Amino acid sequence: MPNTVPYEVIAAPYKVYVAPVGTAFPAIDAAPAVEWTLVGSSGDLNYDDATGVIVEHRQTTVPWRALGDAGSRKIFRTEEDLIVKLKLVDITLEQYAHALNANAVTENPGERVIGLSRGFDVDTRALLIRATVSPYQAVGNLQYEIPVAAQIGSPTVTKKKGEPEGLDLEWMALVDPDASTEDARFGNLRAADDTAT
């Protein structure tokens, strides 16, 4: 999708991919390797338009006030989270597995089956969220690279006449113990820029 001036104003669909933790992220101009599985049988064509793909930078802060001042003089961050959300309108069992701890889909003659229990262990995955636009140039990609995340949503599948069934997925980034810098503990945001040196 070509981008137009002003490049930094973006309204584009994003695609979400998952892979085993430790999978290398693709270069900004390369297609994701085979290890990266597209969320949605048809990618963003299976994401609810009203919801979109949401990347939320949550935080909890606590202000400190001095006895002799009515205003806050310092603030402390006590918690932070990186959350990714989308509504997946795809009820194939292979896609339903994203909501069910990546449970395996088995094939029997004439049917496919997935177990509905998630158990105590929480499956973790790497996440890649990519759009085919850049805030710096006409052609290029923008991608979030999240090395470790867990699907923490509690999807409710509503079966209603005239409305497609969907799964509200919500991934929480976990701290990457192998992060190269302190500010990359939840991963990186990368944008194509041919003028960068």
N, C-alpha and C. Protein backbone atom coordinates (compact mmCIF):
# COMPACT_ATOMS: atom_id res chain seq x y z
N MET A 1 0.85 -1.17 0.00
CA MET A 1 0.00 0.00 0.00
C MET A 1 0.89 1.24 0.00
N PRO A 2 0.88 2.04 -1.06
CA PRO A 2 1.70 3.25 -1.07
C PRO A 2 1.18 4.27 -0.06
N ASN A 3 2.10 4.98 0.51
CA ASN A 3 1.80 5.99 1.51
C ASN A 3 1.87 7.37 0.84
N THR A 4 1.11 8.33 1.31
CA THR A 4 1.14 9.67 0.73
C THR A 4 1.51 10.70 1.79
N VAL A 5 2.01 11.83 1.35
CA VAL A 5 2.39 12.92 2.25
C VAL A 5 1.14 13.48 2.91
N PRO A 6 1.12 13.77 4.22
CA PRO A 6 2.22 13.57 5.16
C PRO A 6 2.32 12.11 5.60
N TYR A 7 3.52 11.52 5.44
CA TYR A 7 3.71 10.10 5.72
C TYR A 7 3.39 9.72 7.16
N GLU A 8 3.64 10.65 8.07
CA GLU A 8 3.49 10.32 9.49
C GLU A 8 2.03 10.18 9.93
N VAL A 9 1.08 10.60 9.10
CA VAL A 9 -0.33 10.42 9.41
C VAL A 9 -0.78 9.13 8.74
N ILE A 10 -1.02 8.11 9.57
CA ILE A 10 -1.25 6.76 9.06
C ILE A 10 -2.64 6.26 9.45
N ALA A 11 -3.34 5.71 8.48
CA ALA A 11 -4.59 4.98 8.72
C ALA A 11 -4.50 3.74 7.84
N ALA A 12 -4.02 2.65 8.42
CA ALA A 12 -3.76 1.45 7.63
C ALA A 12 -4.12 0.21 8.42
N PRO A 13 -4.53 -0.85 7.73
CA PRO A 13 -4.76 -2.11 8.43
C PRO A 13 -3.43 -2.77 8.80
N TYR A 14 -3.43 -3.45 9.92
CA TYR A 14 -2.27 -4.20 10.38
C TYR A 14 -2.59 -5.68 10.36
N LYS A 15 -1.57 -6.49 10.16
CA LYS A 15 -1.70 -7.95 10.26
C LYS A 15 -0.91 -8.40 11.47
N VAL A 16 -1.43 -9.40 12.17
CA VAL A 16 -0.78 -9.94 13.36
C VAL A 16 -0.31 -11.36 13.07
N TYR A 17 0.92 -11.64 13.46
CA TYR A 17 1.52 -12.96 13.28
C TYR A 17 1.99 -13.45 14.65
N VAL A 18 1.99 -14.77 14.84
CA VAL A 18 2.55 -15.38 16.04
C VAL A 18 3.59 -16.41 15.63
N ALA A 19 4.55 -16.63 16.52
CA ALA A 19 5.60 -17.62 16.28
C ALA A 19 6.10 -18.12 17.64
N PRO A 20 6.80 -19.24 17.66
CA PRO A 20 7.40 -19.68 18.92
C PRO A 20 8.35 -18.62 19.47
N VAL A 21 8.40 -18.49 20.79
CA VAL A 21 9.32 -17.57 21.43
C VAL A 21 10.73 -17.90 20.97
N GLY A 22 11.50 -16.88 20.61
CA GLY A 22 12.86 -17.09 20.13
C GLY A 22 12.99 -17.05 18.62
N THR A 23 11.85 -17.02 17.90
CA THR A 23 11.89 -16.93 16.45
C THR A 23 12.41 -15.55 16.04
N ALA A 24 13.30 -15.53 15.05
CA ALA A 24 13.86 -14.26 14.58
C ALA A 24 12.78 -13.44 13.90
N PHE A 25 12.79 -12.14 14.16
CA PHE A 25 11.85 -11.23 13.50
C PHE A 25 12.36 -10.95 12.09
N PRO A 26 11.44 -10.79 11.13
CA PRO A 26 11.89 -10.52 9.77
C PRO A 26 12.46 -9.11 9.66
N ALA A 27 13.39 -8.94 8.72
CA ALA A 27 13.88 -7.60 8.41
C ALA A 27 12.68 -6.76 7.97
N ILE A 28 12.79 -5.46 8.13
CA ILE A 28 11.67 -4.56 7.87
C ILE A 28 11.12 -4.68 6.45
N ASP A 29 11.98 -5.07 5.49
CA ASP A 29 11.54 -5.16 4.10
C ASP A 29 11.38 -6.60 3.61
N ALA A 30 11.41 -7.56 4.54
CA ALA A 30 11.31 -8.98 4.17
C ALA A 30 9.97 -9.56 4.60
N ALA A 31 9.53 -10.57 3.87
CA ALA A 31 8.30 -11.28 4.24
C ALA A 31 8.57 -12.11 5.49
N PRO A 32 7.58 -12.28 6.37
CA PRO A 32 7.78 -13.14 7.54
C PRO A 32 8.10 -14.58 7.10
N ALA A 33 9.04 -15.20 7.80
CA ALA A 33 9.42 -16.59 7.51
C ALA A 33 8.28 -17.53 7.82
N VAL A 34 8.43 -18.77 7.39
CA VAL A 34 7.37 -19.77 7.53
C VAL A 34 6.98 -20.02 8.98
N GLU A 35 7.88 -19.76 9.93
CA GLU A 35 7.57 -19.97 11.36
C GLU A 35 6.50 -19.00 11.86
N TRP A 36 6.32 -17.88 11.16
CA TRP A 36 5.33 -16.88 11.57
C TRP A 36 3.97 -17.27 11.00
N THR A 37 3.00 -17.49 11.90
CA THR A 37 1.65 -17.87 11.51
C THR A 37 0.75 -16.64 11.56
N LEU A 38 0.07 -16.38 10.47
CA LEU A 38 -0.85 -15.26 10.39
C LEU A 38 -2.06 -15.54 11.27
N VAL A 39 -2.44 -14.57 12.10
CA VAL A 39 -3.66 -14.68 12.90
C VAL A 39 -4.83 -14.33 11.98
N GLY A 40 -5.75 -15.26 11.83
CA GLY A 40 -6.86 -15.12 10.89
C GLY A 40 -6.51 -15.85 9.61
N SER A 41 -7.41 -16.71 9.15
CA SER A 41 -7.15 -17.45 7.91
C SER A 41 -6.85 -16.51 6.75
N SER A 42 -7.47 -15.33 6.77
CA SER A 42 -7.24 -14.32 5.73
C SER A 42 -6.64 -13.05 6.33
N GLY A 43 -5.94 -13.18 7.45
CA GLY A 43 -5.27 -12.04 8.07
C GLY A 43 -6.24 -10.95 8.47
N ASP A 44 -5.94 -9.70 8.07
CA ASP A 44 -6.77 -8.57 8.50
C ASP A 44 -8.17 -8.59 7.92
N LEU A 45 -8.44 -9.45 6.95
CA LEU A 45 -9.82 -9.62 6.45
C LEU A 45 -10.68 -10.38 7.45
N ASN A 46 -10.05 -10.96 8.49
CA ASN A 46 -10.77 -11.63 9.56
C ASN A 46 -10.78 -10.83 10.87
N TYR A 47 -10.34 -9.56 10.83
CA TYR A 47 -10.35 -8.72 12.02
C TYR A 47 -11.55 -7.78 11.93
N ASP A 48 -12.27 -7.67 13.03
CA ASP A 48 -13.45 -6.80 13.06
C ASP A 48 -13.04 -5.35 12.84
N ASP A 49 -13.66 -4.70 11.88
CA ASP A 49 -13.33 -3.32 11.51
C ASP A 49 -13.60 -2.34 12.65
N ALA A 50 -14.65 -2.58 13.42
CA ALA A 50 -14.99 -1.65 14.50
C ALA A 50 -13.95 -1.68 15.61
N THR A 51 -13.28 -2.81 15.78
CA THR A 51 -12.26 -2.95 16.82
C THR A 51 -10.89 -2.59 16.30
N GLY A 52 -10.55 -3.04 15.10
CA GLY A 52 -9.20 -2.82 14.56
C GLY A 52 -8.18 -3.64 15.33
N VAL A 53 -6.93 -3.27 15.19
CA VAL A 53 -5.84 -3.85 15.99
C VAL A 53 -5.39 -2.76 16.95
N ILE A 54 -5.46 -3.04 18.24
CA ILE A 54 -5.17 -2.06 19.27
C ILE A 54 -3.84 -2.42 19.94
N VAL A 55 -2.94 -1.44 20.04
CA VAL A 55 -1.71 -1.57 20.81
C VAL A 55 -1.81 -0.55 21.94
N GLU A 56 -1.85 -1.06 23.16
CA GLU A 56 -2.08 -0.20 24.32
C GLU A 56 -0.87 -0.22 25.25
N HIS A 57 -0.38 0.96 25.59
CA HIS A 57 0.76 1.12 26.51
C HIS A 57 0.20 1.51 27.88
N ARG A 58 -0.14 0.53 28.67
CA ARG A 58 -0.72 0.80 30.00
C ARG A 58 0.37 1.13 31.01
N GLN A 59 -0.01 1.95 31.99
CA GLN A 59 0.92 2.22 33.08
C GLN A 59 0.15 2.63 34.32
N THR A 60 0.79 2.42 35.47
CA THR A 60 0.29 2.91 36.74
C THR A 60 1.35 3.83 37.31
N THR A 61 0.95 5.04 37.66
CA THR A 61 1.90 5.99 38.24
C THR A 61 1.40 6.48 39.58
N VAL A 62 2.34 6.84 40.44
CA VAL A 62 2.01 7.34 41.77
C VAL A 62 2.72 8.68 41.96
N PRO A 63 1.96 9.78 42.13
CA PRO A 63 2.61 11.07 42.37
C PRO A 63 3.04 11.22 43.83
N TRP A 64 4.10 11.99 44.05
CA TRP A 64 4.55 12.30 45.40
C TRP A 64 4.40 13.80 45.63
N ARG A 65 3.82 14.15 46.78
CA ARG A 65 3.64 15.55 47.15
C ARG A 65 4.41 15.84 48.43
N ALA A 66 5.07 16.95 48.44
CA ALA A 66 5.78 17.40 49.64
C ALA A 66 4.79 18.02 50.62
N LEU A 67 5.13 17.97 51.89
CA LEU A 67 4.27 18.54 52.91
C LEU A 67 4.00 20.01 52.65
N GLY A 68 5.00 20.72 52.15
CA GLY A 68 4.86 22.16 51.97
C GLY A 68 4.40 22.59 50.59
N ASP A 69 3.88 21.66 49.79
CA ASP A 69 3.47 22.03 48.42
C ASP A 69 2.17 21.30 48.09
N ALA A 70 1.23 22.02 47.47
CA ALA A 70 -0.03 21.39 47.07
C ALA A 70 0.11 20.58 45.79
N GLY A 71 1.13 20.90 44.99
CA GLY A 71 1.33 20.19 43.73
C GLY A 71 2.25 18.99 43.86
N SER A 72 2.15 18.10 42.92
CA SER A 72 3.06 16.94 42.90
C SER A 72 4.45 17.40 42.49
N ARG A 73 5.47 16.84 43.14
CA ARG A 73 6.85 17.23 42.86
C ARG A 73 7.63 16.13 42.16
N LYS A 74 7.11 14.92 42.19
CA LYS A 74 7.77 13.81 41.50
C LYS A 74 6.71 12.75 41.24
N ILE A 75 7.01 11.91 40.26
CA ILE A 75 6.07 10.82 39.96
C ILE A 75 6.86 9.54 39.74
N PHE A 76 6.29 8.44 40.22
CA PHE A 76 6.93 7.14 40.10
C PHE A 76 6.05 6.22 39.26
N ARG A 77 6.65 5.50 38.36
CA ARG A 77 5.91 4.48 37.60
C ARG A 77 6.07 3.17 38.36
N THR A 78 4.95 2.58 38.74
CA THR A 78 5.00 1.33 39.52
C THR A 78 4.65 0.10 38.69
N GLU A 79 3.96 0.30 37.58
CA GLU A 79 3.59 -0.82 36.71
C GLU A 79 3.53 -0.34 35.27
N GLU A 80 3.86 -1.24 34.33
CA GLU A 80 3.64 -0.95 32.92
C GLU A 80 3.33 -2.25 32.19
N ASP A 81 2.52 -2.14 31.16
CA ASP A 81 2.15 -3.28 30.33
C ASP A 81 2.03 -2.84 28.89
N LEU A 82 2.29 -3.77 28.00
CA LEU A 82 2.04 -3.58 26.58
C LEU A 82 0.97 -4.61 26.20
N ILE A 83 -0.16 -4.14 25.71
CA ILE A 83 -1.31 -4.99 25.41
C ILE A 83 -1.65 -4.87 23.93
N VAL A 84 -1.94 -5.99 23.29
CA VAL A 84 -2.38 -6.02 21.89
C VAL A 84 -3.75 -6.68 21.86
N LYS A 85 -4.72 -6.03 21.19
CA LYS A 85 -6.09 -6.56 21.15
C LYS A 85 -6.62 -6.54 19.72
N LEU A 86 -7.45 -7.51 19.43
CA LEU A 86 -8.22 -7.52 18.19
C LEU A 86 -9.39 -8.48 18.37
N LYS A 87 -10.40 -8.30 17.54
CA LYS A 87 -11.53 -9.24 17.52
C LYS A 87 -11.38 -10.07 16.26
N LEU A 88 -11.16 -11.37 16.45
CA LEU A 88 -10.93 -12.30 15.35
C LEU A 88 -12.25 -12.91 14.92
N VAL A 89 -12.65 -12.62 13.69
CA VAL A 89 -13.90 -13.15 13.15
C VAL A 89 -13.52 -14.32 12.25
N ASP A 90 -13.16 -15.42 12.89
CA ASP A 90 -12.71 -16.64 12.20
C ASP A 90 -12.85 -17.77 13.21
N ILE A 91 -13.78 -18.65 12.97
CA ILE A 91 -14.06 -19.71 13.93
C ILE A 91 -13.52 -21.07 13.44
N THR A 92 -12.55 -21.06 12.53
CA THR A 92 -11.88 -22.32 12.22
C THR A 92 -11.16 -22.75 13.50
N LEU A 93 -11.06 -24.04 13.73
CA LEU A 93 -10.46 -24.51 14.97
C LEU A 93 -8.99 -24.10 15.08
N GLU A 94 -8.30 -24.03 13.95
CA GLU A 94 -6.90 -23.61 13.97
C GLU A 94 -6.76 -22.18 14.47
N GLN A 95 -7.73 -21.33 14.16
CA GLN A 95 -7.72 -19.95 14.65
C GLN A 95 -8.28 -19.85 16.07
N TYR A 96 -9.28 -20.67 16.37
CA TYR A 96 -9.85 -20.71 17.72
C TYR A 96 -8.76 -21.06 18.73
N ALA A 97 -7.76 -21.81 18.28
CA ALA A 97 -6.66 -22.23 19.16
C ALA A 97 -5.94 -21.03 19.78
N HIS A 98 -5.94 -19.87 19.12
CA HIS A 98 -5.30 -18.68 19.71
C HIS A 98 -5.94 -18.31 21.04
N ALA A 99 -7.22 -18.59 21.21
CA ALA A 99 -7.93 -18.29 22.45
C ALA A 99 -7.80 -19.41 23.47
N LEU A 100 -7.33 -20.57 23.01
CA LEU A 100 -7.30 -21.76 23.87
C LEU A 100 -5.89 -22.28 24.09
N ASN A 101 -4.97 -21.36 24.41
CA ASN A 101 -3.63 -21.75 24.82
C ASN A 101 -2.87 -22.51 23.74
N ALA A 102 -3.21 -22.25 22.48
CA ALA A 102 -2.59 -22.93 21.33
C ALA A 102 -2.80 -24.44 21.39
N ASN A 103 -3.95 -24.87 21.91
CA ASN A 103 -4.26 -26.30 21.94
C ASN A 103 -4.20 -26.88 20.53
N ALA A 104 -3.77 -28.12 20.44
CA ALA A 104 -3.63 -28.78 19.15
C ALA A 104 -5.00 -29.13 18.57
N VAL A 105 -5.10 -29.00 17.25
CA VAL A 105 -6.29 -29.43 16.53
C VAL A 105 -5.98 -30.81 15.95
N THR A 106 -6.83 -31.77 16.26
CA THR A 106 -6.63 -33.12 15.73
C THR A 106 -7.70 -33.42 14.69
N GLU A 107 -7.32 -34.26 13.74
CA GLU A 107 -8.24 -34.66 12.69
C GLU A 107 -8.64 -36.12 12.88
N ASN A 108 -9.92 -36.34 12.84
CA ASN A 108 -10.51 -37.68 12.83
C ASN A 108 -11.26 -37.81 11.52
N PRO A 109 -11.62 -39.00 11.13
CA PRO A 109 -12.39 -39.13 9.88
C PRO A 109 -13.65 -38.26 9.92
N GLY A 110 -13.73 -37.30 9.01
CA GLY A 110 -14.91 -36.46 8.88
C GLY A 110 -15.03 -35.32 9.88
N GLU A 111 -13.99 -35.05 10.69
CA GLU A 111 -14.11 -33.96 11.68
C GLU A 111 -12.74 -33.47 12.14
N ARG A 112 -12.75 -32.29 12.74
CA ARG A 112 -11.59 -31.74 13.45
C ARG A 112 -12.03 -31.45 14.87
N VAL A 113 -11.10 -31.60 15.83
CA VAL A 113 -11.44 -31.47 17.25
C VAL A 113 -10.36 -30.65 17.96
N ILE A 114 -10.81 -29.79 18.89
CA ILE A 114 -9.88 -29.07 19.76
C ILE A 114 -10.42 -29.13 21.19
N GLY A 115 -9.54 -29.33 22.14
CA GLY A 115 -9.95 -29.34 23.55
C GLY A 115 -10.23 -27.93 24.03
N LEU A 116 -11.19 -27.78 24.93
CA LEU A 116 -11.63 -26.47 25.39
C LEU A 116 -10.98 -26.00 26.69
N SER A 117 -10.16 -26.83 27.34
CA SER A 117 -9.53 -26.44 28.60
C SER A 117 -8.13 -25.88 28.33
N ARG A 118 -7.77 -24.85 29.11
CA ARG A 118 -6.45 -24.25 28.96
C ARG A 118 -5.46 -24.69 30.02
N GLY A 119 -5.94 -25.20 31.16
CA GLY A 119 -5.04 -25.69 32.21
C GLY A 119 -4.27 -24.57 32.90
N PHE A 120 -3.29 -24.97 33.71
CA PHE A 120 -2.51 -24.00 34.50
C PHE A 120 -1.41 -23.31 33.71
N ASP A 121 -0.77 -24.02 32.81
CA ASP A 121 0.33 -23.44 32.06
C ASP A 121 -0.19 -22.49 30.98
N VAL A 122 0.43 -21.31 30.89
CA VAL A 122 0.01 -20.31 29.91
C VAL A 122 1.01 -20.32 28.76
N ASP A 123 0.50 -20.54 27.55
CA ASP A 123 1.31 -20.56 26.35
C ASP A 123 1.84 -19.16 26.05
N THR A 124 3.10 -19.06 25.68
CA THR A 124 3.68 -17.78 25.28
C THR A 124 4.14 -17.87 23.83
N ARG A 125 4.05 -16.75 23.14
CA ARG A 125 4.40 -16.65 21.72
C ARG A 125 5.11 -15.32 21.48
N ALA A 126 5.85 -15.27 20.39
CA ALA A 126 6.34 -13.99 19.88
C ALA A 126 5.25 -13.41 18.99
N LEU A 127 5.12 -12.10 18.98
CA LEU A 127 4.12 -11.41 18.15
C LEU A 127 4.82 -10.46 17.18
N LEU A 128 4.32 -10.45 15.96
CA LEU A 128 4.74 -9.50 14.94
C LEU A 128 3.47 -8.81 14.45
N ILE A 129 3.43 -7.48 14.52
CA ILE A 129 2.27 -6.71 14.07
C ILE A 129 2.79 -5.78 12.97
N ARG A 130 2.28 -5.96 11.76
CA ARG A 130 2.88 -5.25 10.62
C ARG A 130 1.84 -4.55 9.76
N ALA A 131 2.22 -3.33 9.32
CA ALA A 131 1.45 -2.59 8.31
C ALA A 131 2.39 -2.28 7.15
N THR A 132 1.83 -2.16 5.97
CA THR A 132 2.65 -1.88 4.78
C THR A 132 2.70 -0.38 4.50
N VAL A 133 2.98 0.38 5.55
CA VAL A 133 3.18 1.82 5.45
C VAL A 133 4.33 2.20 6.38
N SER A 134 4.95 3.34 6.11
CA SER A 134 6.00 3.86 6.97
C SER A 134 5.72 5.33 7.25
N PRO A 135 6.01 5.79 8.47
CA PRO A 135 5.82 7.22 8.74
C PRO A 135 6.93 8.09 8.17
N TYR A 136 7.87 7.48 7.42
CA TYR A 136 9.03 8.21 6.89
C TYR A 136 9.12 8.26 5.38
N GLN A 137 8.38 7.40 4.67
CA GLN A 137 8.56 7.34 3.21
C GLN A 137 7.32 6.77 2.54
N ALA A 138 7.31 6.85 1.21
CA ALA A 138 6.13 6.45 0.44
C ALA A 138 5.89 4.95 0.46
N VAL A 139 6.95 4.15 0.44
CA VAL A 139 6.81 2.69 0.42
C VAL A 139 7.69 2.11 1.51
N GLY A 140 7.13 1.25 2.33
CA GLY A 140 7.88 0.62 3.41
C GLY A 140 6.94 0.06 4.44
N ASN A 141 7.51 -0.61 5.42
CA ASN A 141 6.72 -1.26 6.46
C ASN A 141 6.94 -0.61 7.82
N LEU A 142 5.97 -0.84 8.68
CA LEU A 142 6.03 -0.46 10.09
C LEU A 142 5.69 -1.72 10.87
N GLN A 143 6.53 -2.10 11.84
CA GLN A 143 6.23 -3.34 12.56
C GLN A 143 6.60 -3.27 14.03
N TYR A 144 5.69 -3.83 14.83
CA TYR A 144 5.94 -4.05 16.25
C TYR A 144 6.52 -5.45 16.39
N GLU A 145 7.59 -5.58 17.16
CA GLU A 145 8.24 -6.86 17.41
C GLU A 145 8.19 -7.14 18.90
N ILE A 146 7.36 -8.09 19.31
CA ILE A 146 7.16 -8.41 20.72
C ILE A 146 7.69 -9.83 20.95
N PRO A 147 8.83 -9.98 21.63
CA PRO A 147 9.47 -11.29 21.74
C PRO A 147 8.71 -12.32 22.57
N VAL A 148 8.00 -11.86 23.62
CA VAL A 148 7.29 -12.80 24.50
C VAL A 148 5.94 -12.20 24.87
N ALA A 149 4.86 -12.93 24.59
CA ALA A 149 3.52 -12.46 24.93
C ALA A 149 2.62 -13.65 25.25
N ALA A 150 1.62 -13.40 26.08
CA ALA A 150 0.64 -14.43 26.43
C ALA A 150 -0.75 -13.91 26.11
N GLN A 151 -1.58 -14.78 25.55
CA GLN A 151 -2.97 -14.42 25.27
C GLN A 151 -3.74 -14.50 26.58
N ILE A 152 -4.15 -13.33 27.10
CA ILE A 152 -4.78 -13.27 28.42
C ILE A 152 -6.26 -12.94 28.34
N GLY A 153 -6.78 -12.78 27.14
CA GLY A 153 -8.19 -12.45 26.98
C GLY A 153 -9.09 -13.60 27.41
N SER A 154 -10.33 -13.26 27.70
CA SER A 154 -11.35 -14.26 28.04
C SER A 154 -12.48 -14.12 27.03
N PRO A 155 -12.24 -14.61 25.80
CA PRO A 155 -13.22 -14.40 24.74
C PRO A 155 -14.58 -15.03 25.04
N THR A 156 -15.61 -14.28 24.73
CA THR A 156 -16.98 -14.78 24.79
C THR A 156 -17.47 -14.86 23.36
N VAL A 157 -17.86 -16.04 22.93
CA VAL A 157 -18.34 -16.22 21.56
C VAL A 157 -19.85 -16.08 21.58
N THR A 158 -20.33 -14.99 20.98
CA THR A 158 -21.76 -14.73 20.95
C THR A 158 -22.34 -15.26 19.66
N LYS A 159 -23.36 -16.09 19.77
CA LYS A 159 -24.02 -16.67 18.60
C LYS A 159 -25.34 -15.95 18.41
N LYS A 160 -25.36 -15.05 17.39
CA LYS A 160 -26.51 -14.18 17.19
C LYS A 160 -26.84 -14.10 15.71
N LYS A 161 -28.10 -14.08 15.41
CA LYS A 161 -28.54 -13.96 14.03
C LYS A 161 -28.03 -12.65 13.43
N GLY A 162 -27.43 -12.75 12.25
CA GLY A 162 -27.02 -11.56 11.53
C GLY A 162 -25.68 -10.96 11.95
N GLU A 163 -25.00 -11.55 12.94
CA GLU A 163 -23.71 -11.04 13.38
C GLU A 163 -22.70 -12.17 13.39
N PRO A 164 -21.50 -11.95 12.83
CA PRO A 164 -20.52 -13.03 12.81
C PRO A 164 -19.97 -13.30 14.21
N GLU A 165 -19.69 -14.58 14.45
CA GLU A 165 -19.06 -14.96 15.71
C GLU A 165 -17.62 -14.48 15.70
N GLY A 166 -17.15 -14.01 16.85
CA GLY A 166 -15.77 -13.53 16.93
C GLY A 166 -15.15 -13.83 18.27
N LEU A 167 -13.83 -13.80 18.29
CA LEU A 167 -13.06 -14.04 19.51
C LEU A 167 -12.29 -12.77 19.86
N ASP A 168 -12.55 -12.20 21.03
CA ASP A 168 -11.81 -11.03 21.49
C ASP A 168 -10.48 -11.51 22.08
N LEU A 169 -9.41 -11.34 21.31
CA LEU A 169 -8.09 -11.78 21.74
C LEU A 169 -7.34 -10.61 22.36
N GLU A 170 -6.57 -10.91 23.40
CA GLU A 170 -5.80 -9.89 24.09
C GLU A 170 -4.48 -10.51 24.54
N TRP A 171 -3.39 -10.01 23.97
CA TRP A 171 -2.07 -10.50 24.36
C TRP A 171 -1.40 -9.48 25.27
N MET A 172 -0.71 -9.98 26.29
CA MET A 172 0.09 -9.13 27.17
C MET A 172 1.55 -9.47 26.93
N ALA A 173 2.35 -8.44 26.67
CA ALA A 173 3.78 -8.65 26.52
C ALA A 173 4.38 -8.97 27.88
N LEU A 174 5.30 -9.92 27.89
CA LEU A 174 6.06 -10.25 29.09
C LEU A 174 7.48 -9.75 28.90
N VAL A 175 8.18 -9.50 29.98
CA VAL A 175 9.54 -9.00 29.89
C VAL A 175 10.42 -10.04 29.21
N ASP A 176 11.17 -9.58 28.22
CA ASP A 176 12.12 -10.45 27.52
C ASP A 176 13.43 -10.46 28.30
N PRO A 177 13.78 -11.60 28.91
CA PRO A 177 15.01 -11.63 29.70
C PRO A 177 16.27 -11.44 28.86
N ASP A 178 16.15 -11.61 27.54
CA ASP A 178 17.30 -11.47 26.65
C ASP A 178 17.33 -10.12 25.94
N ALA A 179 16.53 -9.17 26.38
CA ALA A 179 16.48 -7.85 25.72
C ALA A 179 17.86 -7.20 25.75
N SER A 180 18.22 -6.58 24.63
CA SER A 180 19.55 -5.97 24.52
C SER A 180 19.66 -4.66 25.29
N THR A 181 18.52 -3.98 25.51
CA THR A 181 18.53 -2.74 26.28
C THR A 181 17.32 -2.72 27.21
N GLU A 182 17.39 -1.87 28.20
CA GLU A 182 16.30 -1.75 29.19
C GLU A 182 14.99 -1.33 28.54
N ASP A 183 15.06 -0.42 27.56
CA ASP A 183 13.83 0.07 26.94
C ASP A 183 13.26 -0.89 25.90
N ALA A 184 13.92 -2.02 25.64
CA ALA A 184 13.42 -3.01 24.68
C ALA A 184 12.92 -4.27 25.38
N ARG A 185 12.60 -4.17 26.67
CA ARG A 185 12.16 -5.36 27.41
C ARG A 185 10.84 -5.93 26.89
N PHE A 186 9.98 -5.09 26.29
CA PHE A 186 8.74 -5.55 25.66
C PHE A 186 8.88 -5.68 24.15
N GLY A 187 10.07 -5.40 23.62
CA GLY A 187 10.28 -5.49 22.19
C GLY A 187 10.59 -4.15 21.58
N ASN A 188 10.37 -4.05 20.27
CA ASN A 188 10.72 -2.84 19.52
C ASN A 188 9.63 -2.49 18.51
N LEU A 189 9.60 -1.22 18.14
CA LEU A 189 8.79 -0.73 17.04
C LEU A 189 9.78 -0.28 15.97
N ARG A 190 9.62 -0.81 14.75
CA ARG A 190 10.58 -0.57 13.68
C ARG A 190 9.84 0.02 12.48
N ALA A 191 10.43 1.02 11.83
CA ALA A 191 9.83 1.66 10.67
C ALA A 191 10.87 1.79 9.57
N ALA A 192 10.47 1.52 8.33
CA ALA A 192 11.36 1.69 7.18
C ALA A 192 11.68 3.17 7.00
N ASP A 193 12.97 3.46 6.75
CA ASP A 193 13.41 4.83 6.51
C ASP A 193 14.69 4.76 5.68
N ASP A 194 14.58 4.98 4.38
CA ASP A 194 15.74 4.90 3.49
C ASP A 194 16.75 6.01 3.73
N THR A 195 16.37 7.06 4.48
CA THR A 195 17.30 8.15 4.73
C THR A 195 18.06 7.96 6.04
N ALA A 196 17.70 6.96 6.85
CA ALA A 196 18.38 6.73 8.12
C ALA A 196 19.82 6.29 7.87
N THR A 197 20.72 6.76 8.72
CA THR A 197 22.14 6.41 8.55
C THR A 197 22.63 5.50 9.65
